[in-house]
């Protein structure tokens, strides 16, 4: 299992492109331009991915994520965030 290091600075791998279509509540995709595949994202995954700019630390992104859910249990929100980031790292979307 990969570990999420809060001081780590990650970015989306160059082969991926995020896209948001502003229709209704929004439609979100992640395109793999090398493989020619596309992944439909939910708003949460899109938000997380869009924050990884290669400049912002994982801990700063986690704080932004926590602020989106002020009425939720911070430990659960944090664990959900870390699970998503671990999955994206394992799949080499975040490097």
Foldseek 3Di string as FASTA:
>chain_A
DDFADQQDAKAFPPQWDWDWDPDDPIWIWIARNVVRDIDTDDPLLSLLNVPRPRPDGNNVSLVVQCVVCVPDDSVVSSVVSRVSVVVCVVVRRMD
